[in-house]
Structure formats: structure tokens, C-alpha cells
Amino acid sequence: MVAGATISTDLSDKDWLKALKVIGEASGYFTELTDAHATVFIEQSHDVLFVTFETLFGIRSVSDSGMPLAFDICDARNWSHLSLIAEKQDWFRHEAIWAYFDRLVDYGFFDDFDQVIFFGAGMCGYAAAAYSVTAPGATVISLAPQATLDRQLAEWDDRFPSTRQLDFHSRYGFAPDMIEAAQNAFVVYDPDETEDAMHASLFTGSNVHKIRYRRGRAGAIEADMRSMSLIAKLADYAAAGKLTGSAFANLMKARKRHAPYLRALLARVLAEDRPVLTRQLCRAVLAEQPIPRFKHHLEVAERRLAEDSNPVRRPAAKVSLDQI
């Protein structure tokens, strides 16, 4: 049994993988696909299979238990889960991974589960979308994914120079094509992050739901969703067959009570020098949470507006967090 399993943060990466192998083999399997990729499967019920893509660094940086995300979400729900783990930033582009998913399809692995959910963020969001094609009818939740890093198609994204030699032409290459068989694919992105917005624009189709999440810092969407337990809530909705675009958007409203998100929102309106909006934001936040930073900037904004001779800038309309 793996319920409540943890791995010490004091271990080296090599020893961490050994510990995960012991845990995986106790209730499923652990396989080293390459010298930089591994997969661990834990079999519980056949109601839900939760498939995640993560990096070794990411797991060890953010998990309190030292375990892949799927362990934290699925154990209490008695869901089966499959975690793909990469030790380097290679977008899971390797023939051994293609062959692994081929075998899963040949064995009818995904057919054994009533619901299959793929999840990932950034590089891992790309992989979640790309490999979801192996489980038609699955739900895909992808945070700030790249559609491809093929230089001919995405030469405008120069954030990842190390990927220029990666093969995005071959199998499972163009993620927007790979989600065509998904029941629903949710692409969450920050429209103010130019490259992320351009990648999101490549995901189209009637089964694609795009969720705009203004945050202003790379990786922050996943961090917010983890800290608010939103990934687990979204997975619950998906498992129940109730995750729709509107349901997703309603769940995401929780960020408007999340202090890190509100601080990022404040930083953006301050950078844009918008005192009226700053005043509205600070008043809305302070009506629910006594955060000193917002009190200070409310006072500053009100002083500026009191000195402003432009009447268009002076109205003090009352707004709530739900309206921001």
C-alpha cells in the first residue's frame, strides 16, 4: 500500500528514484524508460486513471511529501495513477516514450478505466496534450502548454534554446493535433505572456476550452493552483463528468481570494500606473482581507486622485473581488 507514502528530501536524486521504485513496485510498477525518464503506475480502482507529467526537479521542489502530484491527489480518492517523470527539459521527446505509449495502447491499458485525466504544466502540459491521443475520450488539463517548439512553426518562441535539436516532427509531435480525440481539453494560459498566448491560440476545436489566467510570472499558474487545491477540485469534476468550460471558470474564481494572485494583480496595475483601478482593487481586497500592502497602496492612490484635476479619473465606483 502507498497511502501516505513520503520520500525524504535529504536523498540524492538517484536515491529518490530508488525509493520511488520500491513504492511503485509494491502496488503497481516502476519503469526506467531511459536514463532520464521514468514512469510509476499505482493500481487502485478502475473508475479513474490520473496521468501526470512532471519533472524530477519540480516534484522535489514543491511537494511536501516528496511524491509526484498524482500520489497526493489520488490516494485519498482510491484512483489509479500514472506518473511520467523527466530528469531534464526535453519535452518528453524520446523514442522510448513513444514506444511506451504504443505498448499501453496495444495492451488496451486505458480501456480499463471509466475516466482518464491527463495533467501537466508548461513542458509537461505539452506532453499531457500530446500523449492524450492514446486515450480517446480523456480529459486534458494543460497549464501554459507549448503547442510545439518546431522552429518552422514556433520560431517566435526563443525562450528554450536547448530545444532546437529536439524532434517535434515525428510521432506525438504537434500537441494541438493530438487532443482532437479528447472529450474535453482545457488550456489555461496568461494572455499577458505573449509566447504562452500564441501557443494557446494554436489549440482549436470544439472540445478545446481556453481559460485566461492573468498572473504575470512564468510557472505561477501551477503554483497558484496547487496552493489552492484547485488541481484536485478540477480532477474531481472531471472524474464525475462535470468539468465544462463554465465549471472550470467558476472554480478558477477562487484565485480572487488568493493572496499571491492578488499581489500579482496589484503589481500589474501599479506598473500600468492606473490609480483608479488600484483604488478599486485595494478597496475590494480590504473589504475581505486586511492586507497591509493593499492599505498602503489604497492611501497612495487616493492621495493621487484627490490631487488630480481630471474628473474622469476621480469616480470612486464600488466594486467587489468578483467583478475584478
Foldseek 3Di string as FASTA:
>chain_A
DCQPAADDLPDDLVVLLVVVQVSQVVAHGKADLDPFKIKGKGAFDQAEEEEFEEELVVLSVPDPRSDPPCSVQCPVVRHIYMYMYGPDLALPQDVSSVVVLVVCLVVVVLVSHNAYEYEYEESRLLVSLLSCLSRFQYEYEYELYAQAVACVVPVVDPPCVVNPPGDLPDHSRGRLVSNPRYQAYEYEYAVVPPNSVVRVVSNDDPRYAYHHDHAPDPPVVVVLCVVVVVVSVQVVCRSVVNDDNVVNNVSVLVCLLPVNRLVSVLVVCVVVVQLLVLLQSLVQNCVPDVDPVSVVSNVVSVVVLVPDPDVVSNDNDHDHSVVD
